Amino acid sequence: MTAPAPRLQSTNIRTRVVSGQPLIGVKHTAKTSSGLPVSTAWIDMSREDVEGLIKSLQEALDELGKQ
C-alpha cells in the first residue's frame, strides 16, 4: 500500500528572463497526511511548456467531468 500523496497548500508563480528567454516558474508547497511541510524546487518552464501543461490539466478536468 502506498502512502497518500501530500495535499497541496499553495502554488507560487514567478516570471523571469534567463539568457534572453522568458521563463515561468512554478513552486508548490504541500503538507503530508501527518502535517509535515513539503516544498518543491522552482521549476522554470518556457511558454510552450506552460501551454502544454495547461492543455494536459484541462484534458484531465474534462475526463473527470465525464465520470
N, C-alpha and C. Protein backbone atom coordinates (compact mmCIF):
# COMPACT_ATOMS: atom_id res chain seq x y z
N MET A 1 0.85 -1.18 0.00
CA MET A 1 0.00 0.00 0.00
C MET A 1 0.89 1.24 0.00
N THR A 2 0.58 2.20 -0.85
CA THR A 2 1.37 3.42 -0.92
C THR A 2 0.80 4.48 0.03
N ALA A 3 1.67 5.34 0.47
CA ALA A 3 1.25 6.45 1.35
C ALA A 3 0.43 7.44 0.54
N PRO A 4 -0.51 8.11 1.19
CA PRO A 4 -1.29 9.13 0.47
C PRO A 4 -0.39 10.27 0.00
N ALA A 5 -0.73 10.82 -1.14
CA ALA A 5 0.04 11.94 -1.69
C ALA A 5 -0.12 13.17 -0.80
N PRO A 6 0.91 14.01 -0.72
CA PRO A 6 0.77 15.26 0.04
C PRO A 6 -0.36 16.11 -0.54
N ARG A 7 -1.01 16.88 0.32
CA ARG A 7 -2.11 17.76 -0.09
C ARG A 7 -1.56 19.15 -0.36
N LEU A 8 -1.87 19.67 -1.54
CA LEU A 8 -1.40 20.98 -1.96
C LEU A 8 -1.92 22.08 -1.05
N GLN A 9 -1.02 22.95 -0.62
CA GLN A 9 -1.39 24.09 0.21
C GLN A 9 -1.39 25.37 -0.62
N SER A 10 -0.34 25.54 -1.44
CA SER A 10 -0.26 26.75 -2.26
C SER A 10 0.67 26.51 -3.44
N THR A 11 0.52 27.35 -4.45
CA THR A 11 1.39 27.35 -5.61
C THR A 11 1.86 28.78 -5.85
N ASN A 12 3.16 28.95 -5.98
CA ASN A 12 3.73 30.26 -6.28
C ASN A 12 4.15 30.28 -7.74
N ILE A 13 3.97 31.41 -8.38
CA ILE A 13 4.32 31.60 -9.78
C ILE A 13 5.27 32.79 -9.88
N ARG A 14 6.29 32.67 -10.72
CA ARG A 14 7.18 33.80 -10.97
C ARG A 14 7.51 33.83 -12.47
N THR A 15 7.87 34.99 -12.93
CA THR A 15 8.37 35.12 -14.30
C THR A 15 9.75 35.75 -14.23
N ARG A 16 10.61 35.33 -15.15
CA ARG A 16 11.94 35.92 -15.22
C ARG A 16 12.52 35.65 -16.60
N VAL A 17 13.59 36.36 -16.90
CA VAL A 17 14.27 36.19 -18.18
C VAL A 17 15.67 35.64 -17.88
N VAL A 18 15.99 34.51 -18.51
CA VAL A 18 17.30 33.87 -18.34
C VAL A 18 17.93 33.73 -19.72
N SER A 19 19.08 34.31 -19.89
CA SER A 19 19.79 34.28 -21.18
C SER A 19 18.88 34.73 -22.33
N GLY A 20 18.08 35.74 -22.06
CA GLY A 20 17.19 36.30 -23.08
C GLY A 20 15.90 35.53 -23.30
N GLN A 21 15.71 34.41 -22.59
CA GLN A 21 14.49 33.61 -22.75
C GLN A 21 13.55 33.82 -21.57
N PRO A 22 12.30 34.24 -21.84
CA PRO A 22 11.34 34.39 -20.74
C PRO A 22 10.93 33.01 -20.21
N LEU A 23 10.90 32.90 -18.90
CA LEU A 23 10.52 31.66 -18.24
C LEU A 23 9.44 31.92 -17.21
N ILE A 24 8.58 30.94 -17.01
CA ILE A 24 7.56 30.98 -15.97
C ILE A 24 7.94 29.91 -14.96
N GLY A 25 8.07 30.29 -13.71
CA GLY A 25 8.46 29.36 -12.66
C GLY A 25 7.27 28.99 -11.79
N VAL A 26 7.25 27.73 -11.36
CA VAL A 26 6.19 27.22 -10.51
C VAL A 26 6.84 26.52 -9.31
N LYS A 27 6.31 26.78 -8.12
CA LYS A 27 6.79 26.12 -6.91
C LYS A 27 5.57 25.76 -6.06
N HIS A 28 5.49 24.50 -5.66
CA HIS A 28 4.36 24.03 -4.86
C HIS A 28 4.78 23.86 -3.40
N THR A 29 3.85 24.14 -2.52
CA THR A 29 4.01 23.86 -1.10
C THR A 29 2.85 22.97 -0.69
N ALA A 30 3.15 21.92 0.06
CA ALA A 30 2.12 20.96 0.45
C ALA A 30 2.38 20.48 1.87
N LYS A 31 1.46 19.66 2.38
CA LYS A 31 1.63 19.01 3.69
C LYS A 31 1.31 17.53 3.52
N THR A 32 2.10 16.71 4.22
CA THR A 32 1.84 15.28 4.22
C THR A 32 0.60 15.00 5.07
N SER A 33 0.13 13.75 5.03
CA SER A 33 -1.05 13.40 5.83
C SER A 33 -0.79 13.58 7.33
N SER A 34 0.48 13.57 7.74
CA SER A 34 0.80 13.78 9.15
C SER A 34 1.11 15.26 9.45
N GLY A 35 0.93 16.13 8.44
CA GLY A 35 1.10 17.56 8.67
C GLY A 35 2.49 18.11 8.43
N LEU A 36 3.42 17.28 7.97
CA LEU A 36 4.77 17.76 7.71
C LEU A 36 4.81 18.56 6.41
N PRO A 37 5.53 19.68 6.39
CA PRO A 37 5.59 20.50 5.17
C PRO A 37 6.45 19.85 4.09
N VAL A 38 6.03 20.03 2.85
CA VAL A 38 6.77 19.55 1.68
C VAL A 38 6.81 20.72 0.69
N SER A 39 7.97 20.95 0.09
CA SER A 39 8.09 22.04 -0.87
C SER A 39 8.92 21.56 -2.05
N THR A 40 8.53 21.95 -3.24
CA THR A 40 9.32 21.62 -4.43
C THR A 40 10.30 22.75 -4.71
N ALA A 41 11.30 22.45 -5.50
CA ALA A 41 12.19 23.48 -6.00
C ALA A 41 11.43 24.26 -7.07
N TRP A 42 11.94 25.43 -7.42
CA TRP A 42 11.34 26.17 -8.53
C TRP A 42 11.52 25.38 -9.81
N ILE A 43 10.48 25.22 -10.58
CA ILE A 43 10.51 24.58 -11.88
C ILE A 43 10.27 25.66 -12.92
N ASP A 44 11.29 25.98 -13.71
CA ASP A 44 11.17 27.01 -14.74
C ASP A 44 10.78 26.36 -16.06
N MET A 45 9.78 26.94 -16.73
CA MET A 45 9.26 26.39 -17.98
C MET A 45 9.14 27.50 -19.02
N SER A 46 9.30 27.10 -20.27
CA SER A 46 9.08 28.03 -21.36
C SER A 46 7.58 28.24 -21.54
N ARG A 47 7.22 29.23 -22.30
CA ARG A 47 5.80 29.49 -22.60
C ARG A 47 5.15 28.26 -23.21
N GLU A 48 5.86 27.59 -24.12
CA GLU A 48 5.31 26.41 -24.78
C GLU A 48 5.06 25.28 -23.79
N ASP A 49 5.98 25.10 -22.84
CA ASP A 49 5.81 24.06 -21.82
C ASP A 49 4.59 24.36 -20.95
N VAL A 50 4.42 25.63 -20.58
CA VAL A 50 3.28 26.01 -19.76
C VAL A 50 1.97 25.79 -20.53
N GLU A 51 1.96 26.14 -21.81
CA GLU A 51 0.76 25.91 -22.61
C GLU A 51 0.44 24.42 -22.69
N GLY A 52 1.47 23.57 -22.82
CA GLY A 52 1.26 22.12 -22.83
C GLY A 52 0.73 21.61 -21.50
N LEU A 53 1.24 22.17 -20.41
CA LEU A 53 0.76 21.79 -19.07
C LEU A 53 -0.70 22.17 -18.90
N ILE A 54 -1.05 23.38 -19.30
CA ILE A 54 -2.45 23.83 -19.20
C ILE A 54 -3.35 22.91 -20.01
N LYS A 55 -2.93 22.53 -21.21
CA LYS A 55 -3.72 21.63 -22.05
C LYS A 55 -3.92 20.28 -21.36
N SER A 56 -2.84 19.74 -20.79
CA SER A 56 -2.94 18.45 -20.09
C SER A 56 -3.87 18.53 -18.89
N LEU A 57 -3.77 19.62 -18.14
CA LEU A 57 -4.65 19.79 -16.98
C LEU A 57 -6.11 19.92 -17.41
N GLN A 58 -6.35 20.64 -18.50
CA GLN A 58 -7.72 20.79 -19.00
C GLN A 58 -8.28 19.45 -19.45
N GLU A 59 -7.46 18.65 -20.11
CA GLU A 59 -7.90 17.32 -20.54
C GLU A 59 -8.24 16.44 -19.33
N ALA A 60 -7.43 16.53 -18.27
CA ALA A 60 -7.71 15.76 -17.05
C ALA A 60 -9.02 16.22 -16.41
N LEU A 61 -9.25 17.53 -16.37
CA LEU A 61 -10.51 18.05 -15.83
C LEU A 61 -11.70 17.60 -16.67
N ASP A 62 -11.53 17.60 -17.98
CA ASP A 62 -12.60 17.15 -18.87
C ASP A 62 -12.94 15.68 -18.61
N GLU A 63 -11.91 14.86 -18.41
CA GLU A 63 -12.12 13.44 -18.13
C GLU A 63 -12.87 13.26 -16.82
N LEU A 64 -12.50 14.03 -15.81
CA LEU A 64 -13.19 13.94 -14.53
C LEU A 64 -14.65 14.33 -14.66
N GLY A 65 -14.93 15.29 -15.53
CA GLY A 65 -16.30 15.72 -15.74
C GLY A 65 -17.16 14.67 -16.41
N LYS A 66 -16.53 13.72 -17.09
CA LYS A 66 -17.28 12.66 -17.78
C LYS A 66 -17.62 11.50 -16.84
N GLN A 67 -16.97 11.46 -15.69
CA GLN A 67 -17.19 10.32 -14.77
C GLN A 67 -18.40 10.53 -13.90
